Amino acid sequence: MEMTHQPKSVSPEMIEVVNGPEEIAKTGKRCVMTRRQFLLTSGISTFTVMVALKSGPSSAKVPAMVSTYERKFICKLSDLKEDEPFDFSYPDDGAYSESMIVKLGKEAGGGIGTDKDIVAFNYTCTHQGGPLQGTYQKGDKALGPCPLHLTTFDLTRHGIFISGQAYQSLPQVLLELDGDDIYAVGMFGLIYGRYDNLKG
């Protein structure tokens, strides 16, 4: 014995309220919502949700997390040559503190100097801690590819990753210029392998 499910019928009065009497007379079908009504309703709903999400609290600007540490002399401005990285350790001499400063010859985010082209970054890849020493690419003003998973970082844009497996930018060393002396004064970002930049 075959059983079929019969949908409950909607009263003609309800159909007339939703669809209007002319739709019922035209089609003779009991449609609760026409295609036009569906598109209009879904469009209004989508617009309402988008406006609510855009104007919500998440659209407020959030300041960058910057940590300041003890001021440390790095090098003399006059000693830097374009596209020649100079290595140093910051904020301490512990694991993963190896960093580099370089004069890019091109304005960069967070850069100092008259051309705002001097930046410093931590040498440790943010993906799995691969060493980036010796991977500076002067043509692209980039660091990488990392020998582990080929991540490359753009030094002109706060160390944002260009390609590869990393999903965080390289920690940028904040610099201060005092006459001809360049000092490291803080970090923008968390050093790989640390839960705090001063603790490992």
N, C-alpha and C. Protein backbone atom coordinates (compact mmCIF):
# COMPACT_ATOMS: atom_id res chain seq x y z
N MET A 1 0.84 -1.17 0.00
CA MET A 1 0.00 0.00 0.00
C MET A 1 0.89 1.24 0.00
N GLU A 2 0.64 2.12 -0.93
CA GLU A 2 1.47 3.29 -1.09
C GLU A 2 0.89 4.45 -0.31
N MET A 3 1.77 5.09 0.48
CA MET A 3 1.32 6.23 1.30
C MET A 3 1.90 7.50 0.67
N THR A 4 1.09 8.46 0.49
CA THR A 4 1.58 9.75 -0.02
C THR A 4 1.26 10.82 1.00
N HIS A 5 2.14 11.76 1.07
CA HIS A 5 1.96 12.85 2.01
C HIS A 5 1.20 13.97 1.31
N GLN A 6 0.10 14.34 1.85
CA GLN A 6 -0.70 15.41 1.29
C GLN A 6 -0.46 16.68 2.10
N PRO A 7 0.00 17.74 1.45
CA PRO A 7 0.21 18.98 2.20
C PRO A 7 -1.12 19.56 2.64
N LYS A 8 -1.07 20.22 3.79
CA LYS A 8 -2.29 20.87 4.27
C LYS A 8 -2.64 21.99 3.32
N SER A 9 -3.90 22.13 3.04
CA SER A 9 -4.31 23.18 2.11
C SER A 9 -4.41 24.50 2.87
N VAL A 10 -4.08 25.55 2.15
CA VAL A 10 -4.14 26.89 2.71
C VAL A 10 -5.50 27.47 2.35
N SER A 11 -6.08 28.15 3.29
CA SER A 11 -7.42 28.68 3.04
C SER A 11 -7.39 29.72 1.92
N PRO A 12 -8.43 29.76 1.10
CA PRO A 12 -8.48 30.73 0.00
C PRO A 12 -8.37 32.18 0.48
N GLU A 13 -8.88 32.44 1.69
CA GLU A 13 -8.80 33.80 2.23
C GLU A 13 -7.34 34.20 2.45
N MET A 14 -6.53 33.26 2.97
CA MET A 14 -5.11 33.52 3.23
C MET A 14 -4.37 33.74 1.91
N ILE A 15 -4.67 32.91 0.91
CA ILE A 15 -4.03 33.06 -0.40
C ILE A 15 -4.38 34.42 -0.98
N GLU A 16 -5.62 34.82 -0.82
CA GLU A 16 -6.05 36.10 -1.36
C GLU A 16 -5.34 37.25 -0.66
N VAL A 17 -5.12 37.14 0.65
CA VAL A 17 -4.42 38.19 1.40
C VAL A 17 -2.97 38.29 0.93
N VAL A 18 -2.30 37.13 0.78
CA VAL A 18 -0.88 37.12 0.41
C VAL A 18 -0.68 37.46 -1.05
N ASN A 19 -1.42 36.82 -1.93
CA ASN A 19 -1.18 36.96 -3.36
C ASN A 19 -2.04 38.00 -4.05
N GLY A 20 -3.14 38.32 -3.46
CA GLY A 20 -4.06 39.21 -4.14
C GLY A 20 -5.04 38.40 -4.98
N PRO A 21 -6.27 38.85 -5.13
CA PRO A 21 -7.29 38.08 -5.84
C PRO A 21 -6.97 37.89 -7.32
N GLU A 22 -6.27 38.84 -7.94
CA GLU A 22 -5.99 38.70 -9.37
C GLU A 22 -5.02 37.56 -9.64
N GLU A 23 -4.08 37.27 -8.74
CA GLU A 23 -3.12 36.17 -8.94
C GLU A 23 -3.84 34.83 -8.89
N ILE A 24 -4.77 34.70 -7.96
CA ILE A 24 -5.52 33.44 -7.85
C ILE A 24 -6.37 33.23 -9.10
N ALA A 25 -7.02 34.30 -9.55
CA ALA A 25 -7.87 34.19 -10.74
C ALA A 25 -7.04 33.87 -11.98
N LYS A 26 -5.82 34.43 -12.05
CA LYS A 26 -4.97 34.24 -13.21
C LYS A 26 -4.40 32.83 -13.28
N THR A 27 -3.88 32.32 -12.19
CA THR A 27 -3.18 31.03 -12.22
C THR A 27 -4.02 29.88 -11.73
N GLY A 28 -4.90 30.14 -10.82
CA GLY A 28 -5.68 29.06 -10.24
C GLY A 28 -4.86 28.21 -9.29
N LYS A 29 -3.60 28.58 -9.06
CA LYS A 29 -2.73 27.82 -8.17
C LYS A 29 -2.71 28.44 -6.79
N ARG A 30 -2.46 27.58 -5.84
CA ARG A 30 -2.41 28.05 -4.46
C ARG A 30 -0.95 28.31 -4.07
N CYS A 31 -0.43 29.42 -4.51
CA CYS A 31 0.95 29.80 -4.21
C CYS A 31 0.93 30.78 -3.05
N VAL A 32 1.71 30.48 -2.03
CA VAL A 32 1.74 31.35 -0.86
C VAL A 32 2.51 32.62 -1.17
N MET A 33 3.54 32.54 -2.01
CA MET A 33 4.36 33.70 -2.32
C MET A 33 4.76 33.65 -3.80
N THR A 34 4.60 34.76 -4.48
CA THR A 34 5.02 34.81 -5.88
C THR A 34 6.52 35.00 -5.96
N ARG A 35 7.08 34.79 -7.13
CA ARG A 35 8.52 34.97 -7.33
C ARG A 35 8.90 36.42 -7.04
N ARG A 36 8.10 37.35 -7.50
CA ARG A 36 8.38 38.77 -7.27
C ARG A 36 8.38 39.10 -5.78
N GLN A 37 7.40 38.56 -5.05
CA GLN A 37 7.35 38.81 -3.61
C GLN A 37 8.54 38.18 -2.90
N PHE A 38 8.94 36.99 -3.34
CA PHE A 38 10.10 36.33 -2.74
C PHE A 38 11.37 37.16 -2.95
N LEU A 39 11.59 37.61 -4.19
CA LEU A 39 12.79 38.40 -4.47
C LEU A 39 12.79 39.71 -3.71
N LEU A 40 11.64 40.36 -3.64
CA LEU A 40 11.55 41.61 -2.90
C LEU A 40 11.82 41.40 -1.41
N THR A 41 11.20 40.39 -0.83
CA THR A 41 11.38 40.10 0.59
C THR A 41 12.82 39.71 0.91
N SER A 42 13.41 38.84 0.10
CA SER A 42 14.78 38.42 0.36
C SER A 42 15.76 39.57 0.14
N GLY A 43 15.50 40.43 -0.83
CA GLY A 43 16.36 41.59 -1.06
C GLY A 43 16.33 42.56 0.10
N ILE A 44 15.14 42.83 0.62
CA ILE A 44 15.01 43.73 1.77
C ILE A 44 15.69 43.12 2.99
N SER A 45 15.52 41.83 3.20
CA SER A 45 16.15 41.15 4.34
C SER A 45 17.67 41.21 4.24
N THR A 46 18.20 40.94 3.06
CA THR A 46 19.65 40.98 2.85
C THR A 46 20.19 42.38 3.10
N PHE A 47 19.52 43.38 2.57
CA PHE A 47 19.95 44.77 2.77
C PHE A 47 19.95 45.13 4.25
N THR A 48 18.90 44.74 4.97
CA THR A 48 18.80 45.04 6.39
C THR A 48 19.95 44.41 7.17
N VAL A 49 20.26 43.16 6.88
CA VAL A 49 21.36 42.48 7.57
C VAL A 49 22.69 43.15 7.25
N MET A 50 22.91 43.51 5.99
CA MET A 50 24.17 44.15 5.60
C MET A 50 24.35 45.49 6.29
N VAL A 51 23.30 46.29 6.36
CA VAL A 51 23.37 47.58 7.03
C VAL A 51 23.64 47.38 8.52
N ALA A 52 22.98 46.41 9.13
CA ALA A 52 23.19 46.15 10.56
C ALA A 52 24.63 45.72 10.84
N LEU A 53 25.19 44.88 9.98
CA LEU A 53 26.57 44.43 10.18
C LEU A 53 27.57 45.55 9.95
N LYS A 54 27.34 46.37 8.94
CA LYS A 54 28.28 47.44 8.61
C LYS A 54 28.31 48.51 9.68
N SER A 55 27.18 48.83 10.27
CA SER A 55 27.13 49.90 11.25
C SER A 55 27.32 49.40 12.68
N GLY A 56 27.62 48.12 12.84
CA GLY A 56 27.80 47.56 14.17
C GLY A 56 29.11 47.99 14.80
N PRO A 57 29.37 47.53 16.02
CA PRO A 57 30.57 47.94 16.75
C PRO A 57 31.86 47.46 16.11
N SER A 58 31.81 46.46 15.24
CA SER A 58 33.03 45.94 14.63
C SER A 58 33.63 46.90 13.62
N SER A 59 32.88 47.93 13.20
CA SER A 59 33.42 48.86 12.21
C SER A 59 34.30 49.93 12.84
N ALA A 60 34.36 49.97 14.16
CA ALA A 60 35.21 50.94 14.84
C ALA A 60 36.68 50.59 14.62
N LYS A 61 37.50 51.61 14.46
CA LYS A 61 38.93 51.37 14.24
C LYS A 61 39.57 50.93 15.56
N VAL A 62 40.44 49.94 15.45
CA VAL A 62 41.12 49.41 16.62
C VAL A 62 42.59 49.80 16.52
N PRO A 63 43.15 50.40 17.57
CA PRO A 63 44.56 50.77 17.50
C PRO A 63 45.46 49.55 17.45
N ALA A 64 46.60 49.69 16.77
CA ALA A 64 47.56 48.59 16.66
C ALA A 64 48.17 48.29 18.02
N MET A 65 48.47 47.01 18.25
CA MET A 65 49.11 46.60 19.49
C MET A 65 50.61 46.84 19.36
N VAL A 66 51.11 47.82 20.08
CA VAL A 66 52.52 48.18 20.04
C VAL A 66 53.08 48.06 21.44
N SER A 67 54.21 47.38 21.57
CA SER A 67 54.86 47.23 22.86
C SER A 67 56.15 48.02 22.85
N THR A 68 56.34 48.84 23.87
CA THR A 68 57.59 49.60 23.97
C THR A 68 58.47 48.95 25.02
N TYR A 69 59.76 48.93 24.74
CA TYR A 69 60.74 48.31 25.64
C TYR A 69 61.89 49.28 25.85
N GLU A 70 62.89 48.78 26.52
CA GLU A 70 64.07 49.59 26.79
C GLU A 70 64.70 50.07 25.48
N ARG A 71 65.07 51.33 25.46
CA ARG A 71 65.70 51.92 24.28
C ARG A 71 67.09 51.31 24.09
N LYS A 72 67.37 50.84 22.87
CA LYS A 72 68.65 50.18 22.60
C LYS A 72 69.28 50.77 21.34
N PHE A 73 70.54 51.17 21.44
CA PHE A 73 71.26 51.70 20.29
C PHE A 73 71.48 50.58 19.27
N ILE A 74 71.19 50.85 18.00
CA ILE A 74 71.34 49.85 16.94
C ILE A 74 72.54 50.17 16.05
N CYS A 75 72.55 51.35 15.46
CA CYS A 75 73.65 51.73 14.56
C CYS A 75 73.55 53.22 14.26
N LYS A 76 74.50 53.70 13.48
CA LYS A 76 74.49 55.09 13.03
C LYS A 76 73.78 55.17 11.68
N LEU A 77 72.99 56.19 11.50
CA LEU A 77 72.29 56.41 10.23
C LEU A 77 73.29 56.51 9.08
N SER A 78 74.38 57.19 9.32
CA SER A 78 75.39 57.40 8.27
C SER A 78 76.10 56.10 7.87
N ASP A 79 76.02 55.06 8.71
CA ASP A 79 76.66 53.78 8.39
C ASP A 79 75.79 52.88 7.50
N LEU A 80 74.50 53.18 7.42
CA LEU A 80 73.60 52.34 6.62
C LEU A 80 73.77 52.61 5.13
N LYS A 81 73.84 51.54 4.37
CA LYS A 81 73.90 51.64 2.91
C LYS A 81 72.64 50.99 2.35
N GLU A 82 72.14 51.56 1.26
CA GLU A 82 70.89 51.07 0.68
C GLU A 82 70.98 49.59 0.32
N ASP A 83 69.94 48.85 0.73
CA ASP A 83 69.77 47.42 0.45
C ASP A 83 70.85 46.53 1.06
N GLU A 84 71.48 46.99 2.14
CA GLU A 84 72.45 46.18 2.87
C GLU A 84 71.98 46.02 4.31
N PRO A 85 71.33 44.90 4.64
CA PRO A 85 70.81 44.71 6.00
C PRO A 85 71.94 44.69 7.04
N PHE A 86 71.63 45.23 8.22
CA PHE A 86 72.54 45.21 9.36
C PHE A 86 71.84 44.40 10.45
N ASP A 87 72.50 43.37 10.97
CA ASP A 87 71.89 42.47 11.96
C ASP A 87 72.11 42.95 13.39
N PHE A 88 71.10 42.71 14.25
CA PHE A 88 71.17 43.02 15.67
C PHE A 88 70.16 42.15 16.40
N SER A 89 70.18 42.17 17.73
CA SER A 89 69.19 41.42 18.53
C SER A 89 68.33 42.41 19.29
N TYR A 90 67.03 42.15 19.35
CA TYR A 90 66.09 43.01 20.07
C TYR A 90 64.80 42.23 20.30
N PRO A 91 64.16 42.34 21.43
CA PRO A 91 64.36 43.25 22.55
C PRO A 91 65.38 42.74 23.58
N ASP A 92 65.86 41.52 23.40
CA ASP A 92 66.86 40.95 24.30
C ASP A 92 67.81 40.10 23.46
N ASP A 93 68.60 39.28 24.12
CA ASP A 93 69.52 38.40 23.39
C ASP A 93 69.06 36.95 23.42
N GLY A 94 67.79 36.73 23.76
CA GLY A 94 67.25 35.38 23.87
C GLY A 94 66.89 34.77 22.53
N ALA A 95 66.21 33.62 22.61
CA ALA A 95 65.80 32.89 21.40
C ALA A 95 64.88 33.75 20.53
N TYR A 96 65.07 33.65 19.24
CA TYR A 96 64.25 34.32 18.22
C TYR A 96 64.32 35.85 18.28
N SER A 97 65.35 36.42 18.88
CA SER A 97 65.44 37.88 18.96
C SER A 97 66.25 38.49 17.82
N GLU A 98 66.80 37.64 16.94
CA GLU A 98 67.60 38.14 15.83
C GLU A 98 66.75 39.02 14.92
N SER A 99 67.28 40.20 14.60
CA SER A 99 66.55 41.17 13.79
C SER A 99 67.49 41.82 12.79
N MET A 100 66.92 42.62 11.91
CA MET A 100 67.71 43.32 10.90
C MET A 100 67.13 44.71 10.67
N ILE A 101 68.01 45.63 10.32
CA ILE A 101 67.61 46.98 9.93
C ILE A 101 68.13 47.18 8.51
N VAL A 102 67.35 47.85 7.69
CA VAL A 102 67.77 48.05 6.30
C VAL A 102 67.23 49.38 5.78
N LYS A 103 68.03 50.02 4.95
CA LYS A 103 67.61 51.23 4.23
C LYS A 103 67.10 50.75 2.87
N LEU A 104 65.80 50.85 2.65
CA LEU A 104 65.18 50.30 1.45
C LEU A 104 65.36 51.16 0.20
N GLY A 105 65.53 52.47 0.39
CA GLY A 105 65.58 53.36 -0.78
C GLY A 105 64.20 53.66 -1.33
N LYS A 106 63.19 53.31 -0.55
CA LYS A 106 61.79 53.50 -0.96
C LYS A 106 60.98 53.67 0.33
N GLU A 107 60.04 54.60 0.35
CA GLU A 107 59.25 54.85 1.56
C GLU A 107 58.54 53.58 2.01
N ALA A 108 58.54 53.36 3.32
CA ALA A 108 57.95 52.14 3.87
C ALA A 108 57.13 52.46 5.11
N GLY A 109 56.15 51.62 5.40
CA GLY A 109 55.34 51.77 6.60
C GLY A 109 56.21 51.65 7.85
N GLY A 110 56.13 52.65 8.72
CA GLY A 110 56.93 52.64 9.94
C GLY A 110 58.37 53.06 9.72
N GLY A 111 58.69 53.55 8.52
CA GLY A 111 60.06 53.93 8.20
C GLY A 111 60.47 55.24 8.85
N ILE A 112 61.78 55.37 9.12
CA ILE A 112 62.32 56.60 9.69
C ILE A 112 63.34 57.17 8.70
N GLY A 113 63.86 58.37 9.03
CA GLY A 113 64.81 59.04 8.17
C GLY A 113 64.10 60.04 7.28
N THR A 114 64.86 60.83 6.55
CA THR A 114 64.26 61.86 5.71
C THR A 114 63.37 61.27 4.62
N ASP A 115 63.72 60.09 4.13
CA ASP A 115 62.92 59.44 3.09
C ASP A 115 61.94 58.40 3.66
N LYS A 116 61.92 58.25 4.97
CA LYS A 116 61.06 57.26 5.65
C LYS A 116 61.24 55.86 5.05
N ASP A 117 62.50 55.52 4.79
CA ASP A 117 62.81 54.25 4.12
C ASP A 117 63.66 53.31 4.97
N ILE A 118 63.88 53.64 6.24
CA ILE A 118 64.69 52.78 7.11
C ILE A 118 63.76 52.03 8.04
N VAL A 119 63.77 50.70 7.94
CA VAL A 119 62.89 49.85 8.74
C VAL A 119 63.68 48.71 9.36
N ALA A 120 63.10 48.11 10.38
CA ALA A 120 63.74 46.96 11.04
C ALA A 120 62.68 45.91 11.34
N PHE A 121 63.08 44.64 11.19
CA PHE A 121 62.16 43.53 11.40
C PHE A 121 62.86 42.38 12.10
N ASN A 122 62.07 41.57 12.78
CA ASN A 122 62.56 40.34 13.37
C ASN A 122 62.85 39.36 12.24
N TYR A 123 63.87 38.52 12.42
CA TYR A 123 64.31 37.59 11.38
C TYR A 123 63.59 36.24 11.41
N THR A 124 62.62 36.02 12.28
CA THR A 124 62.02 34.70 12.43
C THR A 124 60.66 34.65 11.75
N CYS A 125 60.47 33.70 10.85
CA CYS A 125 59.20 33.54 10.14
C CYS A 125 58.09 33.27 11.14
N THR A 126 56.96 33.91 10.94
CA THR A 126 55.83 33.78 11.88
C THR A 126 55.06 32.48 11.70
N HIS A 127 55.35 31.70 10.67
CA HIS A 127 54.63 30.45 10.46
C HIS A 127 55.13 29.35 11.40
N GLN A 128 56.38 28.93 11.22
CA GLN A 128 56.93 27.88 12.09
C GLN A 128 58.35 28.19 12.55
N GLY A 129 58.70 29.47 12.57
CA GLY A 129 59.98 29.86 13.14
C GLY A 129 61.18 29.67 12.24
N GLY A 130 60.98 29.60 10.95
CA GLY A 130 62.11 29.43 10.03
C GLY A 130 63.02 30.65 10.03
N PRO A 131 64.34 30.46 9.90
CA PRO A 131 65.27 31.58 9.89
C PRO A 131 65.25 32.32 8.55
N LEU A 132 65.18 33.64 8.60
CA LEU A 132 65.11 34.44 7.37
C LEU A 132 66.41 35.19 7.08
N GLN A 133 67.46 34.94 7.86
CA GLN A 133 68.74 35.59 7.61
C GLN A 133 69.22 35.25 6.20
N GLY A 134 69.71 36.27 5.50
CA GLY A 134 70.26 36.06 4.17
C GLY A 134 69.23 35.95 3.06
N THR A 135 67.96 36.23 3.35
CA THR A 135 66.92 36.09 2.32
C THR A 135 66.39 37.44 1.81
N TYR A 136 67.06 38.55 2.17
CA TYR A 136 66.59 39.87 1.73
C TYR A 136 66.66 39.98 0.20
N GLN A 137 65.55 40.42 -0.40
CA GLN A 137 65.47 40.61 -1.86
C GLN A 137 65.38 42.10 -2.15
N LYS A 138 66.47 42.68 -2.62
CA LYS A 138 66.48 44.13 -2.82
C LYS A 138 65.54 44.57 -3.94
N GLY A 139 65.33 43.75 -4.95
CA GLY A 139 64.44 44.12 -6.05
C GLY A 139 63.00 44.27 -5.61
N ASP A 140 62.56 43.40 -4.71
CA ASP A 140 61.17 43.42 -4.24
C ASP A 140 61.01 44.09 -2.88
N LYS A 141 62.14 44.45 -2.24
CA LYS A 141 62.11 45.01 -0.88
C LYS A 141 61.36 44.04 0.04
N ALA A 142 61.76 42.78 -0.05
CA ALA A 142 61.07 41.71 0.68
C ALA A 142 62.07 40.85 1.44
N LEU A 143 61.57 40.11 2.40
CA LEU A 143 62.36 39.15 3.15
C LEU A 143 61.76 37.77 2.90
N GLY A 144 62.58 36.84 2.46
CA GLY A 144 62.11 35.50 2.16
C GLY A 144 62.53 35.10 0.76
N PRO A 145 62.20 33.93 0.33
CA PRO A 145 61.28 32.98 0.96
C PRO A 145 61.91 32.23 2.13
N CYS A 146 61.05 31.93 3.10
CA CYS A 146 61.47 31.15 4.26
C CYS A 146 61.90 29.77 3.77
N PRO A 147 62.99 29.21 4.30
CA PRO A 147 63.44 27.90 3.84
C PRO A 147 62.50 26.75 4.21
N LEU A 148 61.58 26.97 5.15
CA LEU A 148 60.68 25.89 5.54
C LEU A 148 59.46 25.77 4.62
N HIS A 149 58.72 26.86 4.44
CA HIS A 149 57.49 26.77 3.66
C HIS A 149 57.31 27.93 2.68
N LEU A 150 58.41 28.60 2.36
CA LEU A 150 58.47 29.59 1.28
C LEU A 150 57.66 30.87 1.50
N THR A 151 57.42 31.26 2.75
CA THR A 151 56.71 32.51 3.00
C THR A 151 57.64 33.68 2.71
N THR A 152 57.09 34.71 2.08
CA THR A 152 57.83 35.93 1.76
C THR A 152 57.08 37.11 2.35
N PHE A 153 57.82 38.10 2.88
CA PHE A 153 57.22 39.24 3.57
C PHE A 153 57.61 40.55 2.89
N ASP A 154 56.65 41.47 2.75
CA ASP A 154 56.86 42.78 2.13
C ASP A 154 57.32 43.78 3.20
N LEU A 155 58.55 44.25 3.11
CA LEU A 155 59.09 45.16 4.12
C LEU A 155 58.61 46.59 3.94
N THR A 156 58.01 46.93 2.81
CA THR A 156 57.48 48.28 2.62
C THR A 156 56.10 48.44 3.24
N ARG A 157 55.45 47.34 3.57
CA ARG A 157 54.08 47.37 4.10
C ARG A 157 54.00 46.69 5.46
N HIS A 158 54.85 47.12 6.37
CA HIS A 158 54.85 46.63 7.76
C HIS A 158 55.10 45.13 7.85
N GLY A 159 55.81 44.54 6.90
CA GLY A 159 56.16 43.12 6.98
C GLY A 159 55.02 42.18 6.69
N ILE A 160 54.00 42.64 5.97
CA ILE A 160 52.86 41.77 5.65
C ILE A 160 53.33 40.64 4.74
N PHE A 161 52.75 39.46 4.91
CA PHE A 161 53.18 38.33 4.09
C PHE A 161 52.65 38.49 2.66
N ILE A 162 53.51 38.14 1.70
CA ILE A 162 53.15 38.24 0.29
C ILE A 162 52.62 36.90 -0.20
N SER A 163 53.33 35.85 0.19
CA SER A 163 52.93 34.51 -0.22
C SER A 163 53.48 33.51 0.78
N GLY A 164 52.98 32.29 0.71
CA GLY A 164 53.46 31.24 1.61
C GLY A 164 52.43 30.86 2.65
N GLN A 165 52.90 30.20 3.70
CA GLN A 165 52.01 29.62 4.71
C GLN A 165 51.72 30.52 5.91
N ALA A 166 52.51 31.55 6.12
CA ALA A 166 52.30 32.41 7.30
C ALA A 166 50.99 33.17 7.17
N TYR A 167 50.40 33.49 8.29
CA TYR A 167 49.17 34.29 8.29
C TYR A 167 49.32 35.52 9.17
N GLN A 168 50.52 35.78 9.67
CA GLN A 168 50.79 36.98 10.45
C GLN A 168 51.98 37.70 9.83
N SER A 169 51.99 39.02 9.96
CA SER A 169 53.10 39.81 9.47
C SER A 169 54.33 39.58 10.34
N LEU A 170 55.50 39.90 9.79
CA LEU A 170 56.73 39.84 10.58
C LEU A 170 56.66 40.90 11.67
N PRO A 171 57.12 40.60 12.88
CA PRO A 171 57.16 41.64 13.91
C PRO A 171 58.12 42.76 13.47
N GLN A 172 57.63 43.98 13.52
CA GLN A 172 58.44 45.13 13.12
C GLN A 172 59.04 45.78 14.36
N VAL A 173 60.33 46.07 14.29
CA VAL A 173 61.02 46.77 15.38
C VAL A 173 60.76 48.26 15.18
N LEU A 174 60.25 48.91 16.23
CA LEU A 174 59.99 50.34 16.15
C LEU A 174 61.29 51.10 16.37
N LEU A 175 61.55 52.04 15.50
CA LEU A 175 62.82 52.76 15.52
C LEU A 175 62.63 54.22 15.89
N GLU A 176 63.69 54.79 16.44
CA GLU A 176 63.70 56.21 16.80
C GLU A 176 65.03 56.78 16.33
N LEU A 177 64.98 57.95 15.74
CA LEU A 177 66.19 58.60 15.23
C LEU A 177 66.52 59.77 16.14
N ASP A 178 67.76 59.79 16.65
CA ASP A 178 68.23 60.86 17.53
C ASP A 178 69.54 61.37 16.95
N GLY A 179 69.46 62.42 16.14
CA GLY A 179 70.65 62.90 15.42
C GLY A 179 71.05 61.87 14.37
N ASP A 180 72.24 61.29 14.53
CA ASP A 180 72.72 60.25 13.60
C ASP A 180 72.54 58.85 14.19
N ASP A 181 72.05 58.79 15.43
CA ASP A 181 71.91 57.51 16.12
C ASP A 181 70.51 56.92 15.92
N ILE A 182 70.46 55.62 15.64
CA ILE A 182 69.19 54.92 15.50
C ILE A 182 69.01 54.00 16.70
N TYR A 183 67.85 54.10 17.34
CA TYR A 183 67.53 53.29 18.51
C TYR A 183 66.30 52.43 18.23
N ALA A 184 66.30 51.23 18.80
CA ALA A 184 65.10 50.39 18.81
C ALA A 184 64.37 50.72 20.10
N VAL A 185 63.06 50.95 20.00
CA VAL A 185 62.30 51.35 21.19
C VAL A 185 61.07 50.47 21.45
N GLY A 186 60.75 49.54 20.56
CA GLY A 186 59.57 48.71 20.77
C GLY A 186 59.34 47.73 19.63
N MET A 187 58.26 46.97 19.75
CA MET A 187 57.91 45.97 18.74
C MET A 187 56.45 46.13 18.34
N PHE A 188 56.20 45.95 17.08
CA PHE A 188 54.84 45.91 16.55
C PHE A 188 54.60 44.47 16.12
N GLY A 189 53.96 43.69 16.98
CA GLY A 189 53.73 42.28 16.70
C GLY A 189 54.45 41.39 17.71
N LEU A 190 54.04 40.13 17.74
CA LEU A 190 54.60 39.15 18.69
C LEU A 190 55.65 38.30 18.00
N ILE A 191 56.81 38.17 18.64
CA ILE A 191 57.90 37.37 18.11
C ILE A 191 57.51 35.89 18.18
N TYR A 192 57.82 35.15 17.12
CA TYR A 192 57.51 33.72 17.06
C TYR A 192 58.13 33.00 18.26
N GLY A 193 57.40 32.03 18.83
CA GLY A 193 57.91 31.21 19.92
C GLY A 193 57.82 31.85 21.28
N ARG A 194 57.21 33.02 21.38
CA ARG A 194 57.09 33.71 22.67
C ARG A 194 55.63 34.04 22.94
N TYR A 195 55.26 33.99 24.20
CA TYR A 195 53.92 34.43 24.58
C TYR A 195 53.95 35.89 25.00
N ASP A 196 55.14 36.43 25.19
CA ASP A 196 55.38 37.82 25.51
C ASP A 196 56.75 38.13 24.90
N ASN A 197 56.91 39.29 24.29
CA ASN A 197 58.17 39.57 23.61
C ASN A 197 59.37 39.62 24.55
N LEU A 198 59.14 39.80 25.83
CA LEU A 198 60.25 39.82 26.79
C LEU A 198 60.39 38.51 27.55
N LYS A 199 59.48 37.58 27.30
CA LYS A 199 59.54 36.28 27.98
C LYS A 199 59.44 35.20 26.92
N GLY A 200 60.12 34.12 27.11
CA GLY A 200 60.11 33.13 26.06
C GLY A 200 59.51 31.85 26.43
